[in-house]
Amino acid sequence: MSKHELPSWAFEFHGHKCPFMPLGYRMGMYARELLGVEKQKDHGMFVFAEMGEGHPQTCMMDGLQIATSCTFGKNLISKLNYGKVAMILYHPDKGAVRISVTAQFQAEIGKFEFFTYRKKGIEPSEIPEAVVDEVVNFVMSMPMEKITDVQKLPDFKYTPTPGSFNKIICSQCGEVVFERYARTIAGKPLCIPCSDYERTLAIKPIL
């Protein structure tokens, strides 16, 4: 398979055909090529997507997972909520590289008819196939050097949270909760919902 081809199951996994999942796939493949790494079988490589909320480019994250196998289920991909079409791939032994989509390319892709439909609130699966194929083919055919900027991050450091199998029983709901997420109130262990603790997650790798 060439770097310009998607796996046959990629759109089925994603759920619809659109340009940003393929763009994420190509970014992930390009980052892997630059670092000289294979897809991640276990837990030794990490993706940090600079995506945020409420914009269609987040489809990119599924492409990143497909390309790298740094999946949500393995805790290998995190969203930094910067609102940027960019990502970092980090391997402890190979270093880190940041891939960002250029403003010029984002302006060019925004001219496609596909986005006229999307701005009207029409879902990708409801857009005419020829309109979708036009922009997807554009994404898949462009050289990555014209799509993205590359930045090596020699000082990038990230230490993942160590895995733990330790669990306790919540004294209120009786459900099992992993120990590090339990809260102790009046000497009793409680899960987060029962404790009324509002948990916020902020992944902040050191750049």
N, C-alpha and C. Protein backbone atom coordinates (compact mmCIF):
# COMPACT_ATOMS: atom_id res chain seq x y z
N MET A 1 0.84 -1.20 0.00
CA MET A 1 0.00 0.00 0.00
C MET A 1 0.87 1.25 0.00
N SER A 2 0.60 2.17 -0.93
CA SER A 2 1.37 3.40 -0.97
C SER A 2 0.84 4.38 0.07
N LYS A 3 1.63 5.40 0.36
CA LYS A 3 1.22 6.39 1.36
C LYS A 3 0.04 7.22 0.88
N HIS A 4 -0.31 7.10 -0.42
CA HIS A 4 -1.42 7.87 -0.95
C HIS A 4 -2.71 7.04 -1.03
N GLU A 5 -2.74 5.90 -0.40
CA GLU A 5 -3.92 5.04 -0.41
C GLU A 5 -4.43 4.83 1.00
N LEU A 6 -5.73 4.87 1.15
CA LEU A 6 -6.35 4.58 2.43
C LEU A 6 -6.64 3.09 2.55
N PRO A 7 -6.59 2.52 3.75
CA PRO A 7 -7.07 1.15 3.93
C PRO A 7 -8.52 1.05 3.48
N SER A 8 -8.90 -0.08 2.95
CA SER A 8 -10.24 -0.24 2.38
C SER A 8 -11.35 -0.03 3.42
N TRP A 9 -11.03 -0.25 4.68
CA TRP A 9 -12.05 -0.18 5.73
C TRP A 9 -12.11 1.18 6.41
N ALA A 10 -11.26 2.14 5.99
CA ALA A 10 -11.12 3.39 6.72
C ALA A 10 -12.42 4.19 6.79
N PHE A 11 -13.11 4.34 5.66
CA PHE A 11 -14.35 5.12 5.67
C PHE A 11 -15.45 4.39 6.42
N GLU A 12 -15.45 3.06 6.35
CA GLU A 12 -16.45 2.30 7.11
C GLU A 12 -16.24 2.52 8.61
N PHE A 13 -14.99 2.51 9.04
CA PHE A 13 -14.67 2.76 10.45
C PHE A 13 -15.11 4.17 10.84
N HIS A 14 -14.81 5.14 9.99
CA HIS A 14 -15.11 6.53 10.31
C HIS A 14 -16.61 6.82 10.28
N GLY A 15 -17.32 6.15 9.38
CA GLY A 15 -18.77 6.30 9.32
C GLY A 15 -19.27 7.09 8.13
N HIS A 16 -18.48 7.99 7.60
CA HIS A 16 -18.86 8.73 6.39
C HIS A 16 -17.60 9.08 5.60
N LYS A 17 -17.81 9.53 4.38
CA LYS A 17 -16.69 9.91 3.53
C LYS A 17 -16.54 11.43 3.58
N CYS A 18 -15.35 11.89 3.92
CA CYS A 18 -15.08 13.32 4.03
C CYS A 18 -13.59 13.54 3.81
N PRO A 19 -13.14 14.78 3.66
CA PRO A 19 -11.72 15.01 3.39
C PRO A 19 -10.81 14.99 4.61
N PHE A 20 -11.34 15.23 5.81
CA PHE A 20 -10.45 15.42 6.95
C PHE A 20 -9.98 14.12 7.60
N MET A 21 -10.76 13.06 7.52
CA MET A 21 -10.24 11.77 7.97
C MET A 21 -9.06 11.34 7.11
N PRO A 22 -9.17 11.40 5.76
CA PRO A 22 -7.99 11.10 4.92
C PRO A 22 -6.81 12.04 5.18
N LEU A 23 -7.09 13.31 5.46
CA LEU A 23 -6.00 14.24 5.75
C LEU A 23 -5.28 13.81 7.03
N GLY A 24 -6.03 13.44 8.06
CA GLY A 24 -5.42 12.95 9.29
C GLY A 24 -4.60 11.69 9.06
N TYR A 25 -5.13 10.81 8.21
CA TYR A 25 -4.40 9.58 7.88
C TYR A 25 -3.05 9.92 7.24
N ARG A 26 -3.07 10.83 6.30
CA ARG A 26 -1.82 11.18 5.62
C ARG A 26 -0.86 11.88 6.57
N MET A 27 -1.37 12.71 7.47
CA MET A 27 -0.51 13.37 8.45
C MET A 27 0.14 12.34 9.37
N GLY A 28 -0.64 11.36 9.81
CA GLY A 28 -0.09 10.31 10.67
C GLY A 28 0.96 9.48 9.97
N MET A 29 0.70 9.13 8.71
CA MET A 29 1.67 8.36 7.94
C MET A 29 2.95 9.16 7.70
N TYR A 30 2.78 10.44 7.43
CA TYR A 30 3.92 11.32 7.18
C TYR A 30 4.77 11.45 8.45
N ALA A 31 4.11 11.63 9.58
CA ALA A 31 4.83 11.73 10.86
C ALA A 31 5.59 10.44 11.16
N ARG A 32 4.96 9.31 10.90
CA ARG A 32 5.63 8.01 11.09
C ARG A 32 6.86 7.90 10.20
N GLU A 33 6.71 8.33 8.96
CA GLU A 33 7.82 8.28 8.00
C GLU A 33 8.98 9.15 8.49
N LEU A 34 8.66 10.34 8.99
CA LEU A 34 9.70 11.26 9.45
C LEU A 34 10.44 10.73 10.68
N LEU A 35 9.72 10.03 11.55
CA LEU A 35 10.35 9.46 12.75
C LEU A 35 10.93 8.07 12.50
N GLY A 36 10.51 7.44 11.42
CA GLY A 36 10.99 6.09 11.13
C GLY A 36 10.41 5.06 12.08
N VAL A 37 9.09 5.12 12.30
CA VAL A 37 8.44 4.21 13.24
C VAL A 37 7.31 3.45 12.56
N GLU A 38 7.02 2.26 13.10
CA GLU A 38 5.91 1.45 12.63
C GLU A 38 4.64 1.82 13.40
N LYS A 39 3.51 1.23 12.99
CA LYS A 39 2.28 1.41 13.75
C LYS A 39 2.47 0.84 15.16
N GLN A 40 1.80 1.43 16.12
CA GLN A 40 2.01 1.08 17.53
C GLN A 40 1.16 -0.12 17.94
N LYS A 41 1.83 -1.24 18.23
CA LYS A 41 1.11 -2.44 18.64
C LYS A 41 0.64 -2.36 20.08
N ASP A 42 1.46 -1.78 20.94
CA ASP A 42 1.14 -1.80 22.37
C ASP A 42 0.97 -0.37 22.90
N HIS A 43 1.92 0.11 23.71
CA HIS A 43 1.71 1.38 24.39
C HIS A 43 2.95 2.27 24.39
N GLY A 44 3.72 2.28 23.30
CA GLY A 44 4.99 2.99 23.33
C GLY A 44 5.09 4.25 22.49
N MET A 45 3.98 4.73 21.92
CA MET A 45 4.04 5.90 21.05
C MET A 45 2.76 6.71 21.27
N PHE A 46 2.85 8.04 21.11
CA PHE A 46 1.72 8.88 21.49
C PHE A 46 1.43 9.95 20.43
N VAL A 47 0.14 10.20 20.23
CA VAL A 47 -0.31 11.27 19.34
C VAL A 47 -1.00 12.35 20.17
N PHE A 48 -0.66 13.59 19.91
CA PHE A 48 -1.34 14.73 20.51
C PHE A 48 -1.95 15.54 19.39
N ALA A 49 -3.26 15.48 19.27
CA ALA A 49 -3.97 16.23 18.24
C ALA A 49 -4.31 17.61 18.79
N GLU A 50 -4.05 18.63 18.02
CA GLU A 50 -4.28 20.00 18.49
C GLU A 50 -5.71 20.48 18.19
N MET A 51 -6.58 19.52 17.93
CA MET A 51 -7.98 19.81 17.66
C MET A 51 -8.68 20.42 18.86
N GLY A 52 -9.85 21.00 18.61
CA GLY A 52 -10.69 21.49 19.69
C GLY A 52 -12.07 20.88 19.59
N GLU A 53 -13.11 21.65 19.86
CA GLU A 53 -14.49 21.19 19.79
C GLU A 53 -15.25 22.03 18.76
N GLY A 54 -16.27 21.43 18.17
CA GLY A 54 -17.21 22.20 17.37
C GLY A 54 -16.72 22.62 16.00
N HIS A 55 -15.76 21.92 15.43
CA HIS A 55 -15.39 22.19 14.04
C HIS A 55 -15.15 20.86 13.33
N PRO A 56 -15.47 20.79 12.01
CA PRO A 56 -15.47 19.51 11.31
C PRO A 56 -14.10 18.86 11.14
N GLN A 57 -13.04 19.62 11.32
CA GLN A 57 -11.70 19.07 11.14
C GLN A 57 -11.36 17.98 12.15
N THR A 58 -12.17 17.84 13.21
CA THR A 58 -11.88 16.80 14.20
C THR A 58 -11.95 15.40 13.60
N CYS A 59 -12.56 15.26 12.43
CA CYS A 59 -12.54 13.97 11.73
C CYS A 59 -11.10 13.51 11.50
N MET A 60 -10.19 14.45 11.48
CA MET A 60 -8.77 14.16 11.32
C MET A 60 -8.28 13.14 12.34
N MET A 61 -8.87 13.16 13.54
CA MET A 61 -8.38 12.31 14.61
C MET A 61 -8.58 10.83 14.32
N ASP A 62 -9.66 10.48 13.61
CA ASP A 62 -9.84 9.08 13.23
C ASP A 62 -8.76 8.65 12.24
N GLY A 63 -8.40 9.54 11.32
CA GLY A 63 -7.33 9.23 10.38
C GLY A 63 -6.00 9.04 11.07
N LEU A 64 -5.74 9.85 12.10
CA LEU A 64 -4.51 9.71 12.87
C LEU A 64 -4.45 8.35 13.56
N GLN A 65 -5.58 7.92 14.11
CA GLN A 65 -5.62 6.62 14.78
C GLN A 65 -5.40 5.48 13.80
N ILE A 66 -6.01 5.58 12.62
CA ILE A 66 -5.86 4.54 11.61
C ILE A 66 -4.41 4.44 11.15
N ALA A 67 -3.75 5.58 10.97
CA ALA A 67 -2.38 5.60 10.45
C ALA A 67 -1.36 5.12 11.46
N THR A 68 -1.59 5.41 12.74
CA THR A 68 -0.55 5.15 13.75
C THR A 68 -0.87 4.01 14.70
N SER A 69 -2.14 3.62 14.80
CA SER A 69 -2.63 2.69 15.84
C SER A 69 -2.44 3.26 17.24
N CYS A 70 -2.24 4.56 17.34
CA CYS A 70 -2.29 5.24 18.63
C CYS A 70 -3.76 5.56 18.89
N THR A 71 -4.45 4.60 19.48
CA THR A 71 -5.89 4.69 19.57
C THR A 71 -6.37 5.25 20.90
N PHE A 72 -7.61 5.71 20.88
CA PHE A 72 -8.26 6.20 22.09
C PHE A 72 -8.34 5.10 23.13
N GLY A 73 -8.65 3.89 22.70
CA GLY A 73 -8.79 2.77 23.63
C GLY A 73 -7.50 2.39 24.34
N LYS A 74 -6.37 2.66 23.71
CA LYS A 74 -5.07 2.37 24.34
C LYS A 74 -4.50 3.58 25.06
N ASN A 75 -5.28 4.67 25.13
CA ASN A 75 -4.83 5.91 25.78
C ASN A 75 -3.58 6.48 25.11
N LEU A 76 -3.50 6.35 23.80
CA LEU A 76 -2.32 6.82 23.08
C LEU A 76 -2.58 8.06 22.24
N ILE A 77 -3.81 8.57 22.28
CA ILE A 77 -4.11 9.81 21.56
C ILE A 77 -4.85 10.75 22.51
N SER A 78 -4.44 12.00 22.51
CA SER A 78 -5.06 13.02 23.35
C SER A 78 -5.36 14.25 22.52
N LYS A 79 -6.41 14.95 22.89
CA LYS A 79 -6.80 16.18 22.20
C LYS A 79 -6.39 17.37 23.06
N LEU A 80 -5.60 18.27 22.49
CA LEU A 80 -5.07 19.40 23.24
C LEU A 80 -6.01 20.60 23.28
N ASN A 81 -7.04 20.58 22.43
CA ASN A 81 -8.04 21.66 22.42
C ASN A 81 -7.43 23.04 22.12
N TYR A 82 -6.54 23.06 21.13
CA TYR A 82 -5.97 24.33 20.67
C TYR A 82 -6.77 24.91 19.50
N GLY A 83 -7.65 24.10 18.90
CA GLY A 83 -8.40 24.56 17.74
C GLY A 83 -7.56 24.68 16.48
N LYS A 84 -6.51 23.85 16.36
CA LYS A 84 -5.63 23.90 15.20
C LYS A 84 -5.65 22.56 14.46
N VAL A 85 -5.44 22.63 13.14
CA VAL A 85 -5.35 21.42 12.34
C VAL A 85 -3.88 21.00 12.34
N ALA A 86 -3.49 20.37 13.43
CA ALA A 86 -2.09 20.01 13.65
C ALA A 86 -2.01 18.85 14.62
N MET A 87 -0.87 18.18 14.62
CA MET A 87 -0.68 17.03 15.51
C MET A 87 0.79 16.87 15.84
N ILE A 88 1.04 16.18 16.95
CA ILE A 88 2.39 15.82 17.36
C ILE A 88 2.44 14.30 17.49
N LEU A 89 3.47 13.70 16.93
CA LEU A 89 3.73 12.28 17.14
C LEU A 89 5.00 12.16 17.97
N TYR A 90 4.90 11.42 19.07
CA TYR A 90 6.03 11.30 19.99
C TYR A 90 6.34 9.84 20.25
N HIS A 91 7.60 9.49 20.07
CA HIS A 91 8.11 8.16 20.41
C HIS A 91 9.31 8.36 21.34
N PRO A 92 9.30 7.73 22.52
CA PRO A 92 10.39 7.97 23.48
C PRO A 92 11.79 7.74 22.93
N ASP A 93 11.92 6.81 21.99
CA ASP A 93 13.24 6.50 21.44
C ASP A 93 13.56 7.26 20.15
N LYS A 94 12.55 7.82 19.53
CA LYS A 94 12.75 8.46 18.23
C LYS A 94 12.54 9.96 18.25
N GLY A 95 11.97 10.48 19.33
CA GLY A 95 11.72 11.91 19.42
C GLY A 95 10.30 12.28 19.04
N ALA A 96 10.13 13.55 18.70
CA ALA A 96 8.79 14.07 18.42
C ALA A 96 8.83 14.95 17.18
N VAL A 97 7.72 14.93 16.44
CA VAL A 97 7.59 15.77 15.26
C VAL A 97 6.18 16.36 15.26
N ARG A 98 6.09 17.62 14.87
CA ARG A 98 4.79 18.29 14.77
C ARG A 98 4.47 18.53 13.31
N ILE A 99 3.27 18.14 12.90
CA ILE A 99 2.80 18.34 11.54
C ILE A 99 1.59 19.28 11.60
N SER A 100 1.66 20.40 10.91
CA SER A 100 0.54 21.33 10.87
C SER A 100 0.13 21.58 9.42
N VAL A 101 -1.17 21.74 9.21
CA VAL A 101 -1.69 22.00 7.87
C VAL A 101 -1.58 23.49 7.59
N THR A 102 -1.01 23.85 6.46
CA THR A 102 -0.74 25.25 6.15
C THR A 102 -2.02 26.05 5.95
N ALA A 103 -1.93 27.34 6.20
CA ALA A 103 -3.06 28.23 5.97
C ALA A 103 -3.44 28.25 4.49
N GLN A 104 -2.44 28.17 3.63
CA GLN A 104 -2.70 28.18 2.19
C GLN A 104 -3.53 26.97 1.78
N PHE A 105 -3.15 25.79 2.28
CA PHE A 105 -3.90 24.59 1.91
C PHE A 105 -5.32 24.65 2.46
N GLN A 106 -5.47 25.14 3.69
CA GLN A 106 -6.81 25.24 4.26
C GLN A 106 -7.68 26.20 3.46
N ALA A 107 -7.08 27.25 2.92
CA ALA A 107 -7.82 28.18 2.07
C ALA A 107 -8.21 27.50 0.76
N GLU A 108 -7.30 26.71 0.19
CA GLU A 108 -7.57 26.04 -1.08
C GLU A 108 -8.67 24.99 -0.94
N ILE A 109 -8.58 24.19 0.11
CA ILE A 109 -9.56 23.13 0.28
C ILE A 109 -10.94 23.72 0.61
N GLY A 110 -10.94 24.88 1.26
CA GLY A 110 -12.21 25.52 1.60
C GLY A 110 -13.01 26.00 0.41
N LYS A 111 -12.40 26.06 -0.77
CA LYS A 111 -13.09 26.50 -1.99
C LYS A 111 -13.95 25.39 -2.61
N PHE A 112 -13.77 24.15 -2.17
CA PHE A 112 -14.49 23.04 -2.78
C PHE A 112 -15.97 23.10 -2.40
N GLU A 113 -16.80 22.61 -3.32
CA GLU A 113 -18.25 22.64 -3.14
C GLU A 113 -18.69 21.89 -1.89
N PHE A 114 -17.91 20.90 -1.48
CA PHE A 114 -18.20 20.12 -0.28
C PHE A 114 -18.50 21.03 0.91
N PHE A 115 -17.73 22.10 1.05
CA PHE A 115 -17.87 22.97 2.21
C PHE A 115 -19.06 23.92 2.09
N THR A 116 -19.55 24.14 0.88
CA THR A 116 -20.79 24.88 0.72
C THR A 116 -21.94 24.11 1.37
N TYR A 117 -21.93 22.80 1.16
CA TYR A 117 -22.94 21.94 1.79
C TYR A 117 -22.77 21.92 3.30
N ARG A 118 -21.54 21.76 3.75
CA ARG A 118 -21.29 21.63 5.19
C ARG A 118 -21.67 22.90 5.95
N LYS A 119 -21.42 24.05 5.36
CA LYS A 119 -21.76 25.31 6.02
C LYS A 119 -23.27 25.52 6.14
N LYS A 120 -24.01 24.77 5.34
CA LYS A 120 -25.48 24.80 5.44
C LYS A 120 -26.00 23.77 6.44
N GLY A 121 -25.07 23.05 7.09
CA GLY A 121 -25.46 22.05 8.08
C GLY A 121 -25.77 20.69 7.50
N ILE A 122 -25.44 20.48 6.23
CA ILE A 122 -25.70 19.19 5.59
C ILE A 122 -24.57 18.23 5.96
N GLU A 123 -24.96 17.06 6.45
CA GLU A 123 -23.97 16.08 6.91
C GLU A 123 -23.23 15.47 5.72
N PRO A 124 -21.96 15.05 5.93
CA PRO A 124 -21.16 14.49 4.83
C PRO A 124 -21.83 13.32 4.11
N SER A 125 -22.52 12.47 4.85
CA SER A 125 -23.15 11.30 4.23
C SER A 125 -24.32 11.68 3.33
N GLU A 126 -24.80 12.94 3.42
CA GLU A 126 -25.93 13.40 2.61
C GLU A 126 -25.49 14.26 1.43
N ILE A 127 -24.19 14.50 1.31
CA ILE A 127 -23.66 15.30 0.21
C ILE A 127 -23.48 14.40 -1.01
N PRO A 128 -23.77 14.89 -2.21
CA PRO A 128 -23.60 14.06 -3.41
C PRO A 128 -22.21 13.44 -3.49
N GLU A 129 -22.17 12.18 -3.88
CA GLU A 129 -20.92 11.42 -3.88
C GLU A 129 -19.83 12.08 -4.73
N ALA A 130 -20.23 12.62 -5.89
CA ALA A 130 -19.24 13.25 -6.77
C ALA A 130 -18.60 14.47 -6.11
N VAL A 131 -19.37 15.19 -5.32
CA VAL A 131 -18.85 16.37 -4.63
C VAL A 131 -17.85 15.96 -3.55
N VAL A 132 -18.17 14.88 -2.85
CA VAL A 132 -17.28 14.37 -1.80
C VAL A 132 -16.00 13.82 -2.43
N ASP A 133 -16.15 13.02 -3.47
CA ASP A 133 -14.98 12.41 -4.12
C ASP A 133 -14.01 13.45 -4.63
N GLU A 134 -14.53 14.56 -5.12
CA GLU A 134 -13.68 15.62 -5.66
C GLU A 134 -12.70 16.13 -4.61
N VAL A 135 -13.18 16.43 -3.43
CA VAL A 135 -12.30 16.99 -2.40
C VAL A 135 -11.44 15.92 -1.77
N VAL A 136 -11.95 14.70 -1.62
CA VAL A 136 -11.14 13.61 -1.07
C VAL A 136 -9.98 13.30 -2.00
N ASN A 137 -10.24 13.24 -3.30
CA ASN A 137 -9.16 12.97 -4.27
C ASN A 137 -8.11 14.07 -4.25
N PHE A 138 -8.54 15.31 -4.03
CA PHE A 138 -7.60 16.43 -3.93
C PHE A 138 -6.67 16.23 -2.73
N VAL A 139 -7.25 15.86 -1.59
CA VAL A 139 -6.45 15.63 -0.37
C VAL A 139 -5.47 14.49 -0.58
N MET A 140 -5.92 13.43 -1.21
CA MET A 140 -5.09 12.23 -1.35
C MET A 140 -4.00 12.38 -2.42
N SER A 141 -4.16 13.34 -3.32
CA SER A 141 -3.20 13.47 -4.42
C SER A 141 -2.13 14.53 -4.17
N MET A 142 -2.36 15.43 -3.23
CA MET A 142 -1.42 16.53 -3.00
C MET A 142 -0.16 16.04 -2.28
N PRO A 143 1.03 16.51 -2.69
CA PRO A 143 2.26 16.18 -1.95
C PRO A 143 2.19 16.74 -0.53
N MET A 144 2.64 15.98 0.44
CA MET A 144 2.57 16.43 1.82
C MET A 144 3.38 17.70 2.05
N GLU A 145 4.42 17.89 1.27
CA GLU A 145 5.24 19.09 1.40
C GLU A 145 4.45 20.36 1.07
N LYS A 146 3.38 20.21 0.26
CA LYS A 146 2.55 21.36 -0.09
C LYS A 146 1.36 21.52 0.84
N ILE A 147 1.08 20.49 1.61
CA ILE A 147 -0.06 20.51 2.52
C ILE A 147 0.35 20.99 3.91
N THR A 148 1.54 20.58 4.34
CA THR A 148 1.89 20.73 5.75
C THR A 148 3.22 21.44 5.97
N ASP A 149 3.37 21.94 7.19
CA ASP A 149 4.66 22.38 7.71
C ASP A 149 5.11 21.36 8.75
N VAL A 150 6.42 21.14 8.81
CA VAL A 150 6.99 20.15 9.72
C VAL A 150 7.91 20.83 10.71
N GLN A 151 7.78 20.44 11.96
CA GLN A 151 8.64 21.00 13.01
C GLN A 151 9.16 19.88 13.90
N LYS A 152 10.46 19.71 13.95
CA LYS A 152 11.05 18.75 14.88
C LYS A 152 11.03 19.36 16.29
N LEU A 153 10.74 18.54 17.28
CA LEU A 153 10.63 19.01 18.66
C LEU A 153 11.64 18.28 19.54
N PRO A 154 12.92 18.69 19.49
CA PRO A 154 13.96 17.96 20.21
C PRO A 154 13.81 18.00 21.73
N ASP A 155 13.13 19.00 22.26
CA ASP A 155 12.99 19.12 23.71
C ASP A 155 11.64 18.62 24.23
N PHE A 156 10.87 18.01 23.36
CA PHE A 156 9.54 17.53 23.76
C PHE A 156 9.67 16.38 24.76
N LYS A 157 8.94 16.46 25.85
CA LYS A 157 8.93 15.40 26.86
C LYS A 157 7.50 15.09 27.25
N TYR A 158 7.23 13.83 27.46
CA TYR A 158 5.91 13.42 27.93
C TYR A 158 6.05 12.14 28.74
N THR A 159 5.48 12.14 29.93
CA THR A 159 5.48 10.95 30.78
C THR A 159 4.05 10.50 30.99
N PRO A 160 3.66 9.38 30.42
CA PRO A 160 2.28 8.91 30.57
C PRO A 160 1.99 8.45 31.99
N THR A 161 0.73 8.47 32.36
CA THR A 161 0.32 7.98 33.67
C THR A 161 0.56 6.47 33.73
N PRO A 162 1.25 5.98 34.75
CA PRO A 162 1.52 4.53 34.84
C PRO A 162 0.21 3.74 34.92
N GLY A 163 0.19 2.59 34.28
CA GLY A 163 -0.98 1.72 34.35
C GLY A 163 -1.13 1.12 35.73
N SER A 164 -2.37 0.90 36.14
CA SER A 164 -2.64 0.31 37.45
C SER A 164 -3.91 -0.54 37.36
N PHE A 165 -3.86 -1.71 38.00
CA PHE A 165 -5.02 -2.59 38.05
C PHE A 165 -5.77 -2.46 39.38
N ASN A 166 -5.34 -1.55 40.25
CA ASN A 166 -5.94 -1.43 41.58
C ASN A 166 -7.34 -0.84 41.52
N LYS A 167 -8.29 -1.51 42.15
CA LYS A 167 -9.68 -1.07 42.13
C LYS A 167 -10.27 -1.10 43.53
N ILE A 168 -11.32 -0.33 43.74
CA ILE A 168 -12.07 -0.37 44.99
C ILE A 168 -13.56 -0.37 44.65
N ILE A 169 -14.39 -0.52 45.68
CA ILE A 169 -15.83 -0.45 45.53
C ILE A 169 -16.33 0.88 46.07
N CYS A 170 -17.11 1.61 45.30
CA CYS A 170 -17.69 2.86 45.77
C CYS A 170 -18.67 2.56 46.90
N SER A 171 -18.53 3.27 48.00
CA SER A 171 -19.36 3.00 49.18
C SER A 171 -20.82 3.45 48.99
N GLN A 172 -21.09 4.20 47.94
CA GLN A 172 -22.46 4.68 47.72
C GLN A 172 -23.20 3.88 46.65
N CYS A 173 -22.60 3.77 45.44
CA CYS A 173 -23.31 3.07 44.36
C CYS A 173 -22.94 1.60 44.27
N GLY A 174 -21.85 1.21 44.92
CA GLY A 174 -21.45 -0.19 44.92
C GLY A 174 -20.75 -0.65 43.66
N GLU A 175 -20.41 0.28 42.78
CA GLU A 175 -19.73 -0.08 41.54
C GLU A 175 -18.22 -0.05 41.71
N VAL A 176 -17.55 -0.84 40.87
CA VAL A 176 -16.09 -0.88 40.89
C VAL A 176 -15.54 0.39 40.23
N VAL A 177 -14.52 0.97 40.86
CA VAL A 177 -13.86 2.14 40.29
C VAL A 177 -12.36 1.96 40.46
N PHE A 178 -11.61 2.35 39.45
CA PHE A 178 -10.16 2.27 39.58
C PHE A 178 -9.70 3.24 40.66
N GLU A 179 -8.78 2.78 41.47
CA GLU A 179 -8.42 3.44 42.72
C GLU A 179 -8.01 4.91 42.54
N ARG A 180 -7.26 5.21 41.48
CA ARG A 180 -6.75 6.57 41.34
C ARG A 180 -7.86 7.58 41.08
N TYR A 181 -9.05 7.10 40.69
CA TYR A 181 -10.16 8.01 40.43
C TYR A 181 -11.12 8.14 41.60
N ALA A 182 -10.90 7.38 42.65
CA ALA A 182 -11.78 7.43 43.81
C ALA A 182 -11.52 8.68 44.64
N ARG A 183 -12.55 9.16 45.31
CA ARG A 183 -12.44 10.28 46.22
C ARG A 183 -12.88 9.82 47.61
N THR A 184 -12.16 10.25 48.62
CA THR A 184 -12.50 9.87 49.99
C THR A 184 -13.21 11.02 50.68
N ILE A 185 -14.44 10.79 51.10
CA ILE A 185 -15.23 11.80 51.79
C ILE A 185 -15.77 11.19 53.08
N ALA A 186 -15.48 11.84 54.17
CA ALA A 186 -15.89 11.34 55.50
C ALA A 186 -15.36 9.93 55.73
N GLY A 187 -14.16 9.68 55.21
CA GLY A 187 -13.53 8.40 55.42
C GLY A 187 -14.03 7.29 54.53
N LYS A 188 -14.93 7.60 53.59
CA LYS A 188 -15.50 6.57 52.73
C LYS A 188 -15.08 6.80 51.28
N PRO A 189 -14.73 5.72 50.57
CA PRO A 189 -14.35 5.87 49.17
C PRO A 189 -15.59 6.05 48.28
N LEU A 190 -15.51 7.03 47.41
CA LEU A 190 -16.61 7.31 46.48
C LEU A 190 -16.08 7.44 45.07
N CYS A 191 -16.89 7.03 44.10
CA CYS A 191 -16.53 7.28 42.71
C CYS A 191 -16.77 8.75 42.40
N ILE A 192 -16.31 9.20 41.25
CA ILE A 192 -16.43 10.62 40.90
C ILE A 192 -17.88 11.09 40.85
N PRO A 193 -18.80 10.38 40.18
CA PRO A 193 -20.19 10.86 40.16
C PRO A 193 -20.82 10.94 41.56
N CYS A 194 -20.57 9.95 42.39
CA CYS A 194 -21.16 9.95 43.73
C CYS A 194 -20.55 11.01 44.64
N SER A 195 -19.33 11.42 44.37
CA SER A 195 -18.65 12.41 45.22
C SER A 195 -18.97 13.84 44.81
N ASP A 196 -19.66 14.00 43.66
CA ASP A 196 -19.95 15.33 43.10
C ASP A 196 -18.68 16.07 42.72
N TYR A 197 -17.60 15.33 42.57
CA TYR A 197 -16.33 15.92 42.17
C TYR A 197 -16.36 16.18 40.67
N GLU A 198 -16.03 17.38 40.26
CA GLU A 198 -16.04 17.72 38.85
C GLU A 198 -14.64 17.57 38.31
N ARG A 199 -14.43 16.51 37.55
CA ARG A 199 -13.09 16.20 37.07
C ARG A 199 -12.85 16.87 35.73
N THR A 200 -11.72 17.55 35.60
CA THR A 200 -11.32 18.13 34.33
C THR A 200 -9.98 17.52 33.93
N LEU A 201 -9.86 17.22 32.65
CA LEU A 201 -8.64 16.60 32.16
C LEU A 201 -7.88 17.59 31.30
N ALA A 202 -6.65 17.83 31.64
CA ALA A 202 -5.82 18.73 30.83
C ALA A 202 -4.49 18.03 30.56
N ILE A 203 -4.33 17.54 29.35
CA ILE A 203 -3.07 16.93 28.94
C ILE A 203 -2.14 18.06 28.50
N LYS A 204 -1.06 18.25 29.21
CA LYS A 204 -0.16 19.35 28.88
C LYS A 204 1.27 18.83 28.74
N PRO A 205 1.59 18.27 27.57
CA PRO A 205 2.98 17.84 27.38
C PRO A 205 3.91 19.04 27.39
N ILE A 206 5.13 18.81 27.80
CA ILE A 206 6.11 19.88 27.85
C ILE A 206 6.74 20.05 26.49
N LEU A 207 6.58 21.22 25.91
CA LEU A 207 7.13 21.49 24.57
C LEU A 207 8.50 22.11 24.70
